[in-house]
Amino acid sequence: MSNVTVLHPTNTRDIPSTLRTIADGLEEGDYGDITAGVLTLAGKGIFENFAFGKDYSIQTAAALYLASANRMSDHVRAAGTGGRSDIPDDEDPDGVA
């Protein structure tokens, strides 16, 4: 099973800055030997998935997305929030707040 790590729990509202910080950490070796990654972007009228890396395959991408969803569910349960209450219904791309 893949180990899913929350790379940067701060500054997550500034997406470009967060991606740059993650990229810097990858280049500096902060996360070890990363061989595959996935990224989802969502906004008004857009929902895009990206998979990449030297070990990329559709199977790896699916496994990473599943592992990530499971990890995020664990974080929600641990926080006791029952869901994301920080996104207003009209801004949530999936209609689930």
PDB file of N, CA and C in Angstrom:
ATOM      1  N   MET A   1       0.846  -1.184   0.000  1.00  0.00           N
ATOM      2  CA  MET A   1       0.000   0.000   0.000  1.00  0.00           C
ATOM      3  C   MET A   1       0.883   1.235   0.000  1.00  0.00           C
ATOM      4  N   SER A   2       0.480   2.237  -0.701  1.00  0.00           N
ATOM      5  CA  SER A   2       1.238   3.477  -0.789  1.00  0.00           C
ATOM      6  C   SER A   2       1.138   4.252   0.511  1.00  0.00           C
ATOM      7  N   ASN A   3       2.197   4.938   0.847  1.00  0.00           N
ATOM      8  CA  ASN A   3       2.199   5.822   1.995  1.00  0.00           C
ATOM      9  C   ASN A   3       1.850   7.219   1.495  1.00  0.00           C
ATOM     10  N   VAL A   4       0.728   7.755   1.928  1.00  0.00           N
ATOM     11  CA  VAL A   4       0.293   9.082   1.504  1.00  0.00           C
ATOM     12  C   VAL A   4       0.629  10.060   2.614  1.00  0.00           C
ATOM     13  N   THR A   5       1.312  11.136   2.278  1.00  0.00           N
ATOM     14  CA  THR A   5       1.751  12.116   3.256  1.00  0.00           C
ATOM     15  C   THR A   5       1.190  13.477   2.895  1.00  0.00           C
ATOM     16  N   VAL A   6       0.689  14.197   3.894  1.00  0.00           N
ATOM     17  CA  VAL A   6       0.304  15.591   3.697  1.00  0.00           C
ATOM     18  C   VAL A   6       1.603  16.373   3.705  1.00  0.00           C
ATOM     19  N   LEU A   7       1.991  16.900   2.536  1.00  0.00           N
ATOM     20  CA  LEU A   7       3.292  17.537   2.412  1.00  0.00           C
ATOM     21  C   LEU A   7       3.358  18.889   3.101  1.00  0.00           C
ATOM     22  N   HIS A   8       2.347  19.711   2.923  1.00  0.00           N
ATOM     23  CA  HIS A   8       2.372  21.054   3.481  1.00  0.00           C
ATOM     24  C   HIS A   8       1.008  21.424   4.053  1.00  0.00           C
ATOM     25  N   PRO A   9       0.835  21.259   5.366  1.00  0.00           N
ATOM     26  CA  PRO A   9      -0.462  21.579   5.954  1.00  0.00           C
ATOM     27  C   PRO A   9      -0.709  23.081   6.113  1.00  0.00           C
ATOM     28  N   THR A  10       0.282  23.931   5.814  1.00  0.00           N
ATOM     29  CA  THR A  10       0.102  25.372   5.920  1.00  0.00           C
ATOM     30  C   THR A  10       0.141  26.010   4.544  1.00  0.00           C
ATOM     31  N   ASN A  11      -0.392  27.214   4.442  1.00  0.00           N
ATOM     32  CA  ASN A  11      -0.383  28.003   3.216  1.00  0.00           C
ATOM     33  C   ASN A  11      -1.131  27.306   2.078  1.00  0.00           C
ATOM     34  N   THR A  12      -2.107  26.491   2.393  1.00  0.00           N
ATOM     35  CA  THR A  12      -2.792  25.738   1.358  1.00  0.00           C
ATOM     36  C   THR A  12      -3.776  26.571   0.549  1.00  0.00           C
ATOM     37  N   ARG A  13      -4.090  27.770   0.958  1.00  0.00           N
ATOM     38  CA  ARG A  13      -5.008  28.618   0.198  1.00  0.00           C
ATOM     39  C   ARG A  13      -4.346  29.212  -1.038  1.00  0.00           C
ATOM     40  N   ASP A  14      -3.020  29.321  -1.025  1.00  0.00           N
ATOM     41  CA  ASP A  14      -2.262  29.862  -2.160  1.00  0.00           C
ATOM     42  C   ASP A  14      -1.710  28.678  -2.957  1.00  0.00           C
ATOM     43  N   ILE A  15      -2.490  28.218  -3.929  1.00  0.00           N
ATOM     44  CA  ILE A  15      -2.157  26.989  -4.654  1.00  0.00           C
ATOM     45  C   ILE A  15      -0.822  27.094  -5.391  1.00  0.00           C
ATOM     46  N   PRO A  16      -0.569  28.124  -6.204  1.00  0.00           N
ATOM     47  CA  PRO A  16       0.723  28.187  -6.906  1.00  0.00           C
ATOM     48  C   PRO A  16       1.917  28.184  -5.951  1.00  0.00           C
ATOM     49  N   SER A  17       1.824  28.927  -4.857  1.00  0.00           N
ATOM     50  CA  SER A  17       2.915  28.966  -3.885  1.00  0.00           C
ATOM     51  C   SER A  17       3.126  27.597  -3.236  1.00  0.00           C
ATOM     52  N   THR A  18       2.032  26.922  -2.916  1.00  0.00           N
ATOM     53  CA  THR A  18       2.136  25.593  -2.320  1.00  0.00           C
ATOM     54  C   THR A  18       2.782  24.610  -3.281  1.00  0.00           C
ATOM     55  N   LEU A  19       2.387  24.649  -4.558  1.00  0.00           N
ATOM     56  CA  LEU A  19       2.989  23.757  -5.552  1.00  0.00           C
ATOM     57  C   LEU A  19       4.482  24.042  -5.719  1.00  0.00           C
ATOM     58  N   ARG A  20       4.860  25.332  -5.695  1.00  0.00           N
ATOM     59  CA  ARG A  20       6.279  25.676  -5.801  1.00  0.00           C
ATOM     60  C   ARG A  20       7.061  25.154  -4.599  1.00  0.00           C
ATOM     61  N   THR A  21       6.488  25.272  -3.411  1.00  0.00           N
ATOM     62  CA  THR A  21       7.140  24.786  -2.196  1.00  0.00           C
ATOM     63  C   THR A  21       7.320  23.276  -2.249  1.00  0.00           C
ATOM     64  N   ILE A  22       6.296  22.570  -2.714  1.00  0.00           N
ATOM     65  CA  ILE A  22       6.391  21.118  -2.852  1.00  0.00           C
ATOM     66  C   ILE A  22       7.480  20.769  -3.871  1.00  0.00           C
ATOM     67  N   ALA A  23       7.490  21.461  -5.012  1.00  0.00           N
ATOM     68  CA  ALA A  23       8.504  21.199  -6.040  1.00  0.00           C
ATOM     69  C   ALA A  23       9.906  21.444  -5.496  1.00  0.00           C
ATOM     70  N   ASP A  24      10.086  22.524  -4.743  1.00  0.00           N
ATOM     71  CA  ASP A  24      11.392  22.792  -4.132  1.00  0.00           C
ATOM     72  C   ASP A  24      11.807  21.640  -3.218  1.00  0.00           C
ATOM     73  N   GLY A  25      10.870  21.161  -2.411  1.00  0.00           N
ATOM     74  CA  GLY A  25      11.155  20.050  -1.512  1.00  0.00           C
ATOM     75  C   GLY A  25      11.507  18.774  -2.260  1.00  0.00           C
ATOM     76  N   LEU A  26      10.815  18.534  -3.365  1.00  0.00           N
ATOM     77  CA  LEU A  26      11.124  17.358  -4.192  1.00  0.00           C
ATOM     78  C   LEU A  26      12.543  17.455  -4.750  1.00  0.00           C
ATOM     79  N   GLU A  27      12.898  18.627  -5.277  1.00  0.00           N
ATOM     80  CA  GLU A  27      14.226  18.821  -5.846  1.00  0.00           C
ATOM     81  C   GLU A  27      15.324  18.717  -4.790  1.00  0.00           C
ATOM     82  N   GLU A  28      15.010  19.107  -3.559  1.00  0.00           N
ATOM     83  CA  GLU A  28      15.991  19.052  -2.473  1.00  0.00           C
ATOM     84  C   GLU A  28      16.035  17.679  -1.807  1.00  0.00           C
ATOM     85  N   GLY A  29      15.160  16.763  -2.222  1.00  0.00           N
ATOM     86  CA  GLY A  29      15.163  15.415  -1.659  1.00  0.00           C
ATOM     87  C   GLY A  29      14.475  15.289  -0.310  1.00  0.00           C
ATOM     88  N   ASP A  30      13.642  16.264   0.045  1.00  0.00           N
ATOM     89  CA  ASP A  30      12.964  16.250   1.346  1.00  0.00           C
ATOM     90  C   ASP A  30      12.023  15.064   1.525  1.00  0.00           C
ATOM     91  N   TYR A  31      11.557  14.476   0.434  1.00  0.00           N
ATOM     92  CA  TYR A  31      10.560  13.413   0.514  1.00  0.00           C
ATOM     93  C   TYR A  31      11.100  12.060   0.072  1.00  0.00           C
ATOM     94  N   GLY A  32      12.411  11.981  -0.104  1.00  0.00           N
ATOM     95  CA  GLY A  32      12.992  10.721  -0.552  1.00  0.00           C
ATOM     96  C   GLY A  32      12.876  10.564  -2.052  1.00  0.00           C
ATOM     97  N   ASP A  33      12.920   9.324  -2.511  1.00  0.00           N
ATOM     98  CA  ASP A  33      12.883   9.020  -3.937  1.00  0.00           C
ATOM     99  C   ASP A  33      11.434   8.894  -4.395  1.00  0.00           C
ATOM    100  N   ILE A  34      10.848   9.983  -4.831  1.00  0.00           N
ATOM    101  CA  ILE A  34       9.464   9.997  -5.297  1.00  0.00           C
ATOM    102  C   ILE A  34       9.458   9.546  -6.754  1.00  0.00           C
ATOM    103  N   THR A  35       8.675   8.517  -7.066  1.00  0.00           N
ATOM    104  CA  THR A  35       8.673   7.971  -8.425  1.00  0.00           C
ATOM    105  C   THR A  35       7.367   8.195  -9.172  1.00  0.00           C
ATOM    106  N   ALA A  36       6.322   8.614  -8.469  1.00  0.00           N
ATOM    107  CA  ALA A  36       5.038   8.864  -9.126  1.00  0.00           C
ATOM    108  C   ALA A  36       4.245   9.853  -8.288  1.00  0.00           C
ATOM    109  N   GLY A  37       3.383  10.605  -8.959  1.00  0.00           N
ATOM    110  CA  GLY A  37       2.546  11.564  -8.254  1.00  0.00           C
ATOM    111  C   GLY A  37       1.226  11.758  -8.965  1.00  0.00           C
ATOM    112  N   VAL A  38       0.263  12.285  -8.226  1.00  0.00           N
ATOM    113  CA  VAL A  38      -1.032  12.637  -8.788  1.00  0.00           C
ATOM    114  C   VAL A  38      -1.432  14.005  -8.243  1.00  0.00           C
ATOM    115  N   LEU A  39      -2.223  14.696  -9.025  1.00  0.00           N
ATOM    116  CA  LEU A  39      -2.673  16.029  -8.657  1.00  0.00           C
ATOM    117  C   LEU A  39      -4.076  16.216  -9.209  1.00  0.00           C
ATOM    118  N   THR A  40      -4.947  16.776  -8.407  1.00  0.00           N
ATOM    119  CA  THR A  40      -6.293  17.112  -8.853  1.00  0.00           C
ATOM    120  C   THR A  40      -6.492  18.610  -8.683  1.00  0.00           C
ATOM    121  N   LEU A  41      -7.003  19.247  -9.727  1.00  0.00           N
ATOM    122  CA  LEU A  41      -7.348  20.669  -9.672  1.00  0.00           C
ATOM    123  C   LEU A  41      -8.851  20.797  -9.857  1.00  0.00           C
ATOM    124  N   ALA A  42      -9.466  21.611  -9.019  1.00  0.00           N
ATOM    125  CA  ALA A  42     -10.906  21.803  -9.107  1.00  0.00           C
ATOM    126  C   ALA A  42     -11.225  23.279  -8.943  1.00  0.00           C
ATOM    127  N   GLY A  43     -12.221  23.731  -9.665  1.00  0.00           N
ATOM    128  CA  GLY A  43     -12.681  25.104  -9.592  1.00  0.00           C
ATOM    129  C   GLY A  43     -14.019  25.198 -10.285  1.00  0.00           C
ATOM    130  N   LYS A  44     -14.492  26.399 -10.454  1.00  0.00           N
ATOM    131  CA  LYS A  44     -15.774  26.568 -11.140  1.00  0.00           C
ATOM    132  C   LYS A  44     -15.665  26.040 -12.564  1.00  0.00           C
ATOM    133  N   GLY A  45     -16.392  24.986 -12.859  1.00  0.00           N
ATOM    134  CA  GLY A  45     -16.432  24.427 -14.203  1.00  0.00           C
ATOM    135  C   GLY A  45     -15.216  23.606 -14.601  1.00  0.00           C
ATOM    136  N   ILE A  46     -14.334  23.290 -13.660  1.00  0.00           N
ATOM    137  CA  ILE A  46     -13.145  22.499 -14.005  1.00  0.00           C
ATOM    138  C   ILE A  46     -12.878  21.459 -12.931  1.00  0.00           C
ATOM    139  N   PHE A  47     -12.509  20.280 -13.374  1.00  0.00           N
ATOM    140  CA  PHE A  47     -12.073  19.204 -12.493  1.00  0.00           C
ATOM    141  C   PHE A  47     -11.079  18.383 -13.301  1.00  0.00           C
ATOM    142  N   GLU A  48      -9.806  18.562 -13.032  1.00  0.00           N
ATOM    143  CA  GLU A  48      -8.750  17.925 -13.818  1.00  0.00           C
ATOM    144  C   GLU A  48      -7.877  17.059 -12.929  1.00  0.00           C
ATOM    145  N   ASN A  49      -7.539  15.868 -13.414  1.00  0.00           N
ATOM    146  CA  ASN A  49      -6.621  14.968 -12.734  1.00  0.00           C
ATOM    147  C   ASN A  49      -5.355  14.845 -13.558  1.00  0.00           C
ATOM    148  N   PHE A  50      -4.213  14.852 -12.884  1.00  0.00           N
ATOM    149  CA  PHE A  50      -2.918  14.686 -13.533  1.00  0.00           C
ATOM    150  C   PHE A  50      -2.171  13.568 -12.822  1.00  0.00           C
ATOM    151  N   ALA A  51      -1.495  12.729 -13.580  1.00  0.00           N
ATOM    152  CA  ALA A  51      -0.633  11.688 -13.025  1.00  0.00           C
ATOM    153  C   ALA A  51       0.705  11.781 -13.751  1.00  0.00           C
ATOM    154  N   PHE A  52       1.794  11.579 -13.018  1.00  0.00           N
ATOM    155  CA  PHE A  52       3.107  11.799 -13.608  1.00  0.00           C
ATOM    156  C   PHE A  52       4.177  11.060 -12.819  1.00  0.00           C
ATOM    157  N   GLY A  53       5.354  10.963 -13.396  1.00  0.00           N
ATOM    158  CA  GLY A  53       6.503  10.368 -12.726  1.00  0.00           C
ATOM    159  C   GLY A  53       7.102   9.238 -13.531  1.00  0.00           C
ATOM    160  N   LYS A  54       8.312   8.831 -13.132  1.00  0.00           N
ATOM    161  CA  LYS A  54       8.999   7.786 -13.881  1.00  0.00           C
ATOM    162  C   LYS A  54       8.336   6.426 -13.729  1.00  0.00           C
ATOM    163  N   ASP A  55       7.555   6.220 -12.669  1.00  0.00           N
ATOM    164  CA  ASP A  55       6.818   4.962 -12.491  1.00  0.00           C
ATOM    165  C   ASP A  55       5.328   5.138 -12.757  1.00  0.00           C
ATOM    166  N   TYR A  56       4.984   6.140 -13.568  1.00  0.00           N
ATOM    167  CA  TYR A  56       3.576   6.396 -13.858  1.00  0.00           C
ATOM    168  C   TYR A  56       2.956   5.244 -14.638  1.00  0.00           C
ATOM    169  N   SER A  57       1.757   4.890 -14.245  1.00  0.00           N
ATOM    170  CA  SER A  57       0.862   4.021 -15.011  1.00  0.00           C
ATOM    171  C   SER A  57      -0.543   4.354 -14.532  1.00  0.00           C
ATOM    172  N   ILE A  58      -1.533   3.995 -15.299  1.00  0.00           N
ATOM    173  CA  ILE A  58      -2.905   4.271 -14.889  1.00  0.00           C
ATOM    174  C   ILE A  58      -3.231   3.517 -13.598  1.00  0.00           C
ATOM    175  N   GLN A  59      -2.647   2.340 -13.420  1.00  0.00           N
ATOM    176  CA  GLN A  59      -2.867   1.566 -12.206  1.00  0.00           C
ATOM    177  C   GLN A  59      -2.237   2.264 -10.994  1.00  0.00           C
ATOM    178  N   THR A  60      -1.024   2.787 -11.172  1.00  0.00           N
ATOM    179  CA  THR A  60      -0.372   3.518 -10.081  1.00  0.00           C
ATOM    180  C   THR A  60      -1.170   4.760  -9.730  1.00  0.00           C
ATOM    181  N   ALA A  61      -1.630   5.476 -10.744  1.00  0.00           N
ATOM    182  CA  ALA A  61      -2.422   6.681 -10.497  1.00  0.00           C
ATOM    183  C   ALA A  61      -3.689   6.339  -9.722  1.00  0.00           C
ATOM    184  N   ALA A  62      -4.389   5.300 -10.121  1.00  0.00           N
ATOM    185  CA  ALA A  62      -5.611   4.899  -9.422  1.00  0.00           C
ATOM    186  C   ALA A  62      -5.307   4.519  -7.979  1.00  0.00           C
ATOM    187  N   ALA A  63      -4.220   3.784  -7.767  1.00  0.00           N
ATOM    188  CA  ALA A  63      -3.844   3.382  -6.403  1.00  0.00           C
ATOM    189  C   ALA A  63      -3.496   4.594  -5.554  1.00  0.00           C
ATOM    190  N   LEU A  64      -2.793   5.571  -6.131  1.00  0.00           N
ATOM    191  CA  LEU A  64      -2.438   6.777  -5.384  1.00  0.00           C
ATOM    192  C   LEU A  64      -3.677   7.598  -5.029  1.00  0.00           C
ATOM    193  N   TYR A  65      -4.614   7.738  -5.975  1.00  0.00           N
ATOM    194  CA  TYR A  65      -5.849   8.469  -5.674  1.00  0.00           C
ATOM    195  C   TYR A  65      -6.645   7.777  -4.577  1.00  0.00           C
ATOM    196  N   LEU A  66      -6.741   6.459  -4.633  1.00  0.00           N
ATOM    197  CA  LEU A  66      -7.467   5.709  -3.607  1.00  0.00           C
ATOM    198  C   LEU A  66      -6.786   5.844  -2.248  1.00  0.00           C
ATOM    199  N   ALA A  67      -5.469   5.701  -2.223  1.00  0.00           N
ATOM    200  CA  ALA A  67      -4.733   5.838  -0.967  1.00  0.00           C
ATOM    201  C   ALA A  67      -4.895   7.246  -0.398  1.00  0.00           C
ATOM    202  N   SER A  68      -4.873   8.244  -1.270  1.00  0.00           N
ATOM    203  CA  SER A  68      -5.046   9.624  -0.838  1.00  0.00           C
ATOM    204  C   SER A  68      -6.436   9.853  -0.260  1.00  0.00           C
ATOM    205  N   ALA A  69      -7.459   9.333  -0.921  1.00  0.00           N
ATOM    206  CA  ALA A  69      -8.833   9.475  -0.416  1.00  0.00           C
ATOM    207  C   ALA A  69      -8.973   8.809   0.944  1.00  0.00           C
ATOM    208  N   ASN A  70      -8.381   7.640   1.104  1.00  0.00           N
ATOM    209  CA  ASN A  70      -8.441   6.956   2.397  1.00  0.00           C
ATOM    210  C   ASN A  70      -7.734   7.755   3.477  1.00  0.00           C
ATOM    211  N   ARG A  71      -6.576   8.305   3.149  1.00  0.00           N
ATOM    212  CA  ARG A  71      -5.828   9.100   4.131  1.00  0.00           C
ATOM    213  C   ARG A  71      -6.601  10.350   4.522  1.00  0.00           C
ATOM    214  N   MET A  72      -7.192  11.028   3.533  1.00  0.00           N
ATOM    215  CA  MET A  72      -7.956  12.235   3.850  1.00  0.00           C
ATOM    216  C   MET A  72      -9.168  11.900   4.708  1.00  0.00           C
ATOM    217  N   SER A  73      -9.812  10.769   4.457  1.00  0.00           N
ATOM    218  CA  SER A  73     -10.928  10.331   5.295  1.00  0.00           C
ATOM    219  C   SER A  73     -10.464  10.122   6.726  1.00  0.00           C
ATOM    220  N   ASP A  74      -9.282   9.546   6.897  1.00  0.00           N
ATOM    221  CA  ASP A  74      -8.714   9.357   8.234  1.00  0.00           C
ATOM    222  C   ASP A  74      -8.505  10.697   8.925  1.00  0.00           C
ATOM    223  N   HIS A  75      -8.007  11.698   8.186  1.00  0.00           N
ATOM    224  CA  HIS A  75      -7.783  13.030   8.758  1.00  0.00           C
ATOM    225  C   HIS A  75      -9.108  13.661   9.192  1.00  0.00           C
ATOM    226  N   VAL A  76     -10.141  13.519   8.378  1.00  0.00           N
ATOM    227  CA  VAL A  76     -11.453  14.090   8.714  1.00  0.00           C
ATOM    228  C   VAL A  76     -11.990  13.430   9.975  1.00  0.00           C
ATOM    229  N   ARG A  77     -11.909  12.098  10.022  1.00  0.00           N
ATOM    230  CA  ARG A  77     -12.392  11.398  11.223  1.00  0.00           C
ATOM    231  C   ARG A  77     -11.598  11.801  12.450  1.00  0.00           C
ATOM    232  N   ALA A  78     -10.292  11.912  12.328  1.00  0.00           N
ATOM    233  CA  ALA A  78      -9.442  12.280  13.454  1.00  0.00           C
ATOM    234  C   ALA A  78      -9.750  13.693  13.942  1.00  0.00           C
ATOM    235  N   ALA A  79     -10.091  14.571  13.008  1.00  0.00           N
ATOM    236  CA  ALA A  79     -10.417  15.953  13.375  1.00  0.00           C
ATOM    237  C   ALA A  79     -11.814  16.064  13.963  1.00  0.00           C
ATOM    238  N   GLY A  80     -12.635  15.041  13.745  1.00  0.00           N
ATOM    239  CA  GLY A  80     -13.986  15.050  14.289  1.00  0.00           C
ATOM    240  C   GLY A  80     -14.919  16.028  13.615  1.00  0.00           C
ATOM    241  N   THR A  81     -14.584  16.440  12.388  1.00  0.00           N
ATOM    242  CA  THR A  81     -15.406  17.443  11.723  1.00  0.00           C
ATOM    243  C   THR A  81     -16.552  16.833  10.939  1.00  0.00           C
ATOM    244  N   GLY A  82     -16.399  15.594  10.521  1.00  0.00           N
ATOM    245  CA  GLY A  82     -17.442  14.951   9.737  1.00  0.00           C
ATOM    246  C   GLY A  82     -17.510  15.433   8.304  1.00  0.00           C
ATOM    247  N   GLY A  83     -16.651  16.322   7.913  1.00  0.00           N
ATOM    248  CA  GLY A  83     -16.643  16.841   6.547  1.00  0.00           C
ATOM    249  C   GLY A  83     -15.983  18.195   6.504  1.00  0.00           C
ATOM    250  N   ARG A  84     -15.843  18.733   5.319  1.00  0.00           N
ATOM    251  CA  ARG A  84     -15.202  20.035   5.167  1.00  0.00           C
ATOM    252  C   ARG A  84     -16.242  21.131   5.292  1.00  0.00           C
ATOM    253  N   SER A  85     -16.184  21.833   6.398  1.00  0.00           N
ATOM    254  CA  SER A  85     -17.139  22.910   6.611  1.00  0.00           C
ATOM    255  C   SER A  85     -16.584  24.257   6.184  1.00  0.00           C
ATOM    256  N   ASP A  86     -15.347  24.297   5.701  1.00  0.00           N
ATOM    257  CA  ASP A  86     -14.718  25.565   5.341  1.00  0.00           C
ATOM    258  C   ASP A  86     -15.016  26.013   3.912  1.00  0.00           C
ATOM    259  N   ILE A  87     -15.738  25.193   3.130  1.00  0.00           N
ATOM    260  CA  ILE A  87     -16.057  25.557   1.751  1.00  0.00           C
ATOM    261  C   ILE A  87     -17.559  25.783   1.642  1.00  0.00           C
ATOM    262  N   PRO A  88     -17.980  27.004   1.299  1.00  0.00           N
ATOM    263  CA  PRO A  88     -19.418  27.242   1.111  1.00  0.00           C
ATOM    264  C   PRO A  88     -19.971  26.348   0.001  1.00  0.00           C
ATOM    265  N   ASP A  89     -21.226  25.938   0.127  1.00  0.00           N
ATOM    266  CA  ASP A  89     -21.848  25.042  -0.849  1.00  0.00           C
ATOM    267  C   ASP A  89     -21.718  25.531  -2.280  1.00  0.00           C
ATOM    268  N   ASP A  90     -21.839  26.854  -2.488  1.00  0.00           N
ATOM    269  CA  ASP A  90     -21.797  27.366  -3.864  1.00  0.00           C
ATOM    270  C   ASP A  90     -20.377  27.400  -4.434  1.00  0.00           C
ATOM    271  N   GLU A  91     -19.343  27.142  -3.618  1.00  0.00           N
ATOM    272  CA  GLU A  91     -17.963  27.122  -4.106  1.00  0.00           C
ATOM    273  C   GLU A  91     -17.409  25.705  -4.216  1.00  0.00           C
ATOM    274  N   ASP A  92     -18.132  24.728  -3.699  1.00  0.00           N
ATOM    275  CA  ASP A  92     -17.652  23.350  -3.715  1.00  0.00           C
ATOM    276  C   ASP A  92     -17.925  22.733  -5.077  1.00  0.00           C
ATOM    277  N   PRO A  93     -16.852  22.330  -5.831  1.00  0.00           N
ATOM    278  CA  PRO A  93     -17.070  21.837  -7.201  1.00  0.00           C
ATOM    279  C   PRO A  93     -17.886  20.573  -7.270  1.00  0.00           C
ATOM    280  N   ASP A  94     -17.921  19.793  -6.209  1.00  0.00           N
ATOM    281  CA  ASP A  94     -18.690  18.548  -6.227  1.00  0.00           C
ATOM    282  C   ASP A  94     -20.043  18.687  -5.549  1.00  0.00           C
ATOM    283  N   GLY A  95     -20.326  19.862  -5.003  1.00  0.00           N
ATOM    284  CA  GLY A  95     -21.596  20.067  -4.325  1.00  0.00           C
ATOM    285  C   GLY A  95     -21.673  19.400  -2.969  1.00  0.00           C
ATOM    286  N   VAL A  96     -20.508  19.020  -2.415  1.00  0.00           N
ATOM    287  CA  VAL A  96     -20.468  18.382  -1.111  1.00  0.00           C
ATOM    288  C   VAL A  96     -19.603  19.227  -0.198  1.00  0.00           C
ATOM    289  N   ALA A  97     -20.178  19.780   0.832  1.00  0.00           N
ATOM    290  CA  ALA A  97     -19.416  20.615   1.756  1.00  0.00           C
ATOM    291  C   ALA A  97     -19.215  19.896   3.055  1.00  0.00           C
TER     292      ALA A  97
END
